[in-house]
Structures are given as structure tokens and as C-alpha cells.
Amino acid sequence: MLSEEERAILDFERCSWLEPGPKDQAIEMRLGLTAAGYYERLRRIIETPSAAEYDPLTSKRVLALIEPPRESELAI
């Protein structure tokens, strides 16, 4: 089960492109985290089954960005 803060991080990541200005400033203003702290927390959160249950699209998108492609995905 995700905490309120963990859900807020996923919610922010889902809609962060709507925020005006640089993302790191929006992270600090909305969540009170540094950008480094935010990305560290986000990475831990999306690796949990609870994150996939709460927001499967955002979880899959972020995982695809941080995980290197598998060897089978590189073959044409």
C-alpha cells in the first residue's frame, strides 16, 4: 500500500508536464523535495507492485525510461 506522499509523487509525475517552469522547481514547490530526492523516491516507488496497481501507465512509462532495454528487445 502506498503512503500519501508516495501517491503524491506518482500523481506529480503523471502530470508534471502541466507545471509551469522547470520541473525541478515544481518538485520543490509542490512536494518539498530536491530533484535528486524526488527521483530517488520515484525509482523506489515504481518498483513496487502497489505503484503498478495505483497508476500502471505512469509506472510503466517511468520504468521504461530507467531500465536499459533487454537484449531481446535490441534484436531486429
N, C-alpha and C. Protein backbone atom coordinates (compact mmCIF):
# COMPACT_ATOMS: atom_id res chain seq x y z
N MET A 1 0.83 -1.17 0.00
CA MET A 1 0.00 0.00 0.00
C MET A 1 0.89 1.25 0.00
N LEU A 2 0.55 2.18 -0.85
CA LEU A 2 1.34 3.41 -0.96
C LEU A 2 0.92 4.42 0.10
N SER A 3 1.90 5.15 0.59
CA SER A 3 1.61 6.24 1.52
C SER A 3 1.04 7.43 0.75
N GLU A 4 0.54 8.39 1.47
CA GLU A 4 0.02 9.61 0.84
C GLU A 4 1.12 10.33 0.06
N GLU A 5 2.32 10.38 0.62
CA GLU A 5 3.44 11.03 -0.06
C GLU A 5 3.82 10.28 -1.34
N GLU A 6 3.82 8.96 -1.28
CA GLU A 6 4.15 8.16 -2.46
C GLU A 6 3.12 8.36 -3.57
N ARG A 7 1.85 8.42 -3.20
CA ARG A 7 0.81 8.69 -4.19
C ARG A 7 0.97 10.09 -4.77
N ALA A 8 1.35 11.05 -3.93
CA ALA A 8 1.57 12.43 -4.42
C ALA A 8 2.72 12.48 -5.42
N ILE A 9 3.76 11.69 -5.19
CA ILE A 9 4.89 11.65 -6.12
C ILE A 9 4.45 11.07 -7.46
N LEU A 10 3.71 9.97 -7.43
CA LEU A 10 3.21 9.39 -8.68
C LEU A 10 2.24 10.34 -9.39
N ASP A 11 1.38 10.99 -8.62
CA ASP A 11 0.44 11.95 -9.22
C ASP A 11 1.19 13.10 -9.88
N PHE A 12 2.23 13.58 -9.22
CA PHE A 12 3.03 14.66 -9.79
C PHE A 12 3.70 14.20 -11.08
N GLU A 13 4.29 13.02 -11.06
CA GLU A 13 4.99 12.51 -12.24
C GLU A 13 4.03 12.37 -13.42
N ARG A 14 2.82 11.95 -13.14
CA ARG A 14 1.82 11.78 -14.20
C ARG A 14 1.50 13.11 -14.88
N CYS A 15 1.46 14.18 -14.11
CA CYS A 15 1.01 15.47 -14.64
C CYS A 15 2.09 16.55 -14.63
N SER A 16 3.33 16.17 -14.44
CA SER A 16 4.38 17.18 -14.27
C SER A 16 4.55 18.07 -15.49
N TRP A 17 4.22 17.58 -16.66
CA TRP A 17 4.37 18.39 -17.87
C TRP A 17 3.40 19.57 -17.88
N LEU A 18 2.38 19.54 -17.02
CA LEU A 18 1.44 20.65 -16.93
C LEU A 18 1.96 21.80 -16.07
N GLU A 19 2.97 21.52 -15.27
CA GLU A 19 3.52 22.53 -14.36
C GLU A 19 4.29 23.59 -15.13
N PRO A 20 4.09 24.86 -14.78
CA PRO A 20 4.87 25.91 -15.45
C PRO A 20 6.31 25.92 -14.92
N GLY A 21 7.23 26.28 -15.78
CA GLY A 21 8.62 26.41 -15.37
C GLY A 21 9.35 25.09 -15.31
N PRO A 22 10.58 25.16 -14.84
CA PRO A 22 11.42 23.96 -14.75
C PRO A 22 10.84 22.93 -13.79
N LYS A 23 10.99 21.66 -14.14
CA LYS A 23 10.43 20.58 -13.34
C LYS A 23 11.04 20.55 -11.95
N ASP A 24 12.36 20.79 -11.83
CA ASP A 24 12.99 20.73 -10.51
C ASP A 24 12.43 21.78 -9.55
N GLN A 25 12.06 22.93 -10.07
CA GLN A 25 11.44 23.96 -9.23
C GLN A 25 10.04 23.54 -8.80
N ALA A 26 9.29 22.94 -9.71
CA ALA A 26 7.94 22.47 -9.39
C ALA A 26 8.00 21.35 -8.35
N ILE A 27 8.99 20.49 -8.45
CA ILE A 27 9.16 19.41 -7.47
C ILE A 27 9.34 19.99 -6.08
N GLU A 28 10.22 20.97 -5.99
CA GLU A 28 10.49 21.58 -4.69
C GLU A 28 9.27 22.33 -4.16
N MET A 29 8.60 23.06 -5.02
CA MET A 29 7.44 23.83 -4.58
C MET A 29 6.26 22.94 -4.18
N ARG A 30 5.96 21.94 -4.98
CA ARG A 30 4.79 21.10 -4.71
C ARG A 30 5.04 20.01 -3.70
N LEU A 31 6.23 19.44 -3.72
CA LEU A 31 6.48 18.27 -2.88
C LEU A 31 7.47 18.52 -1.75
N GLY A 32 8.19 19.63 -1.81
CA GLY A 32 9.17 19.93 -0.78
C GLY A 32 10.39 19.02 -0.83
N LEU A 33 10.69 18.49 -2.01
CA LEU A 33 11.84 17.61 -2.20
C LEU A 33 12.82 18.24 -3.18
N THR A 34 14.08 17.88 -3.04
CA THR A 34 15.04 18.25 -4.08
C THR A 34 14.76 17.35 -5.28
N ALA A 35 15.25 17.74 -6.43
CA ALA A 35 15.06 16.90 -7.62
C ALA A 35 15.72 15.54 -7.42
N ALA A 36 16.91 15.51 -6.84
CA ALA A 36 17.60 14.24 -6.61
C ALA A 36 16.80 13.36 -5.66
N GLY A 37 16.27 13.93 -4.60
CA GLY A 37 15.46 13.17 -3.65
C GLY A 37 14.18 12.66 -4.28
N TYR A 38 13.59 13.47 -5.13
CA TYR A 38 12.36 13.08 -5.84
C TYR A 38 12.62 11.88 -6.74
N TYR A 39 13.65 11.95 -7.55
CA TYR A 39 13.92 10.86 -8.48
C TYR A 39 14.34 9.58 -7.75
N GLU A 40 15.03 9.72 -6.64
CA GLU A 40 15.39 8.55 -5.84
C GLU A 40 14.13 7.89 -5.29
N ARG A 41 13.24 8.69 -4.74
CA ARG A 41 11.98 8.16 -4.21
C ARG A 41 11.13 7.57 -5.32
N LEU A 42 11.03 8.27 -6.45
CA LEU A 42 10.23 7.79 -7.57
C LEU A 42 10.72 6.43 -8.03
N ARG A 43 12.00 6.27 -8.15
CA ARG A 43 12.56 4.99 -8.60
C ARG A 43 12.20 3.86 -7.64
N ARG A 44 12.30 4.11 -6.34
CA ARG A 44 11.93 3.08 -5.35
C ARG A 44 10.44 2.78 -5.42
N ILE A 45 9.63 3.80 -5.59
CA ILE A 45 8.17 3.63 -5.60
C ILE A 45 7.73 2.80 -6.80
N ILE A 46 8.23 3.13 -7.98
CA ILE A 46 7.72 2.45 -9.18
C ILE A 46 8.14 1.00 -9.27
N GLU A 47 9.08 0.59 -8.45
CA GLU A 47 9.50 -0.80 -8.44
C GLU A 47 8.62 -1.67 -7.54
N THR A 48 7.59 -1.08 -6.94
CA THR A 48 6.70 -1.83 -6.06
C THR A 48 5.42 -2.22 -6.79
N PRO A 49 4.85 -3.34 -6.42
CA PRO A 49 3.56 -3.72 -7.02
C PRO A 49 2.45 -2.71 -6.74
N SER A 50 2.52 -2.05 -5.60
CA SER A 50 1.50 -1.06 -5.25
C SER A 50 1.46 0.10 -6.24
N ALA A 51 2.62 0.50 -6.73
CA ALA A 51 2.68 1.59 -7.70
C ALA A 51 1.99 1.19 -9.00
N ALA A 52 2.25 -0.03 -9.44
CA ALA A 52 1.63 -0.53 -10.68
C ALA A 52 0.12 -0.64 -10.52
N GLU A 53 -0.34 -0.98 -9.34
CA GLU A 53 -1.78 -1.05 -9.08
C GLU A 53 -2.39 0.36 -9.06
N TYR A 54 -1.70 1.30 -8.44
CA TYR A 54 -2.22 2.66 -8.29
C TYR A 54 -2.22 3.41 -9.62
N ASP A 55 -1.13 3.34 -10.36
CA ASP A 55 -1.00 4.08 -11.61
C ASP A 55 -0.15 3.28 -12.59
N PRO A 56 -0.77 2.30 -13.26
CA PRO A 56 0.01 1.42 -14.13
C PRO A 56 0.69 2.13 -15.30
N LEU A 57 0.05 3.12 -15.88
CA LEU A 57 0.64 3.79 -17.04
C LEU A 57 1.88 4.59 -16.66
N THR A 58 1.79 5.35 -15.59
CA THR A 58 2.95 6.13 -15.16
C THR A 58 4.08 5.19 -14.72
N SER A 59 3.74 4.14 -14.01
CA SER A 59 4.76 3.19 -13.56
C SER A 59 5.49 2.57 -14.75
N LYS A 60 4.75 2.12 -15.75
CA LYS A 60 5.37 1.51 -16.92
C LYS A 60 6.22 2.52 -17.69
N ARG A 61 5.73 3.75 -17.82
CA ARG A 61 6.47 4.78 -18.55
C ARG A 61 7.80 5.09 -17.86
N VAL A 62 7.76 5.27 -16.57
CA VAL A 62 8.99 5.60 -15.84
C VAL A 62 9.95 4.41 -15.84
N LEU A 63 9.44 3.21 -15.65
CA LEU A 63 10.30 2.03 -15.70
C LEU A 63 10.98 1.91 -17.06
N ALA A 64 10.25 2.19 -18.12
CA ALA A 64 10.84 2.11 -19.46
C ALA A 64 11.95 3.14 -19.65
N LEU A 65 11.84 4.26 -18.97
CA LEU A 65 12.86 5.31 -19.08
C LEU A 65 14.14 4.95 -18.33
N ILE A 66 14.00 4.23 -17.22
CA ILE A 66 15.18 3.99 -16.39
C ILE A 66 15.80 2.62 -16.58
N GLU A 67 15.05 1.68 -17.11
CA GLU A 67 15.60 0.34 -17.32
C GLU A 67 16.23 0.25 -18.70
N PRO A 68 17.41 -0.30 -18.78
CA PRO A 68 18.01 -0.48 -20.11
C PRO A 68 17.21 -1.53 -20.88
N PRO A 69 17.16 -1.41 -22.20
CA PRO A 69 16.42 -2.39 -22.99
C PRO A 69 17.06 -3.77 -22.85
N ARG A 70 16.21 -4.78 -22.83
CA ARG A 70 16.71 -6.16 -22.77
C ARG A 70 17.35 -6.52 -24.10
N GLU A 71 18.24 -7.47 -24.05
CA GLU A 71 18.95 -7.88 -25.26
C GLU A 71 17.97 -8.34 -26.34
N SER A 72 16.90 -9.01 -25.95
CA SER A 72 15.91 -9.48 -26.92
C SER A 72 15.16 -8.32 -27.59
N GLU A 73 15.08 -7.18 -26.89
CA GLU A 73 14.41 -6.01 -27.46
C GLU A 73 15.31 -5.28 -28.44
N LEU A 74 16.60 -5.52 -28.37
CA LEU A 74 17.54 -4.85 -29.27
C LEU A 74 17.64 -5.56 -30.61
N ALA A 75 17.32 -6.84 -30.63
CA ALA A 75 17.41 -7.62 -31.88
C ALA A 75 16.31 -7.20 -32.85
N ILE A 76 16.67 -7.09 -34.09
CA ILE A 76 15.70 -6.68 -35.11
C ILE A 76 15.25 -7.88 -35.88
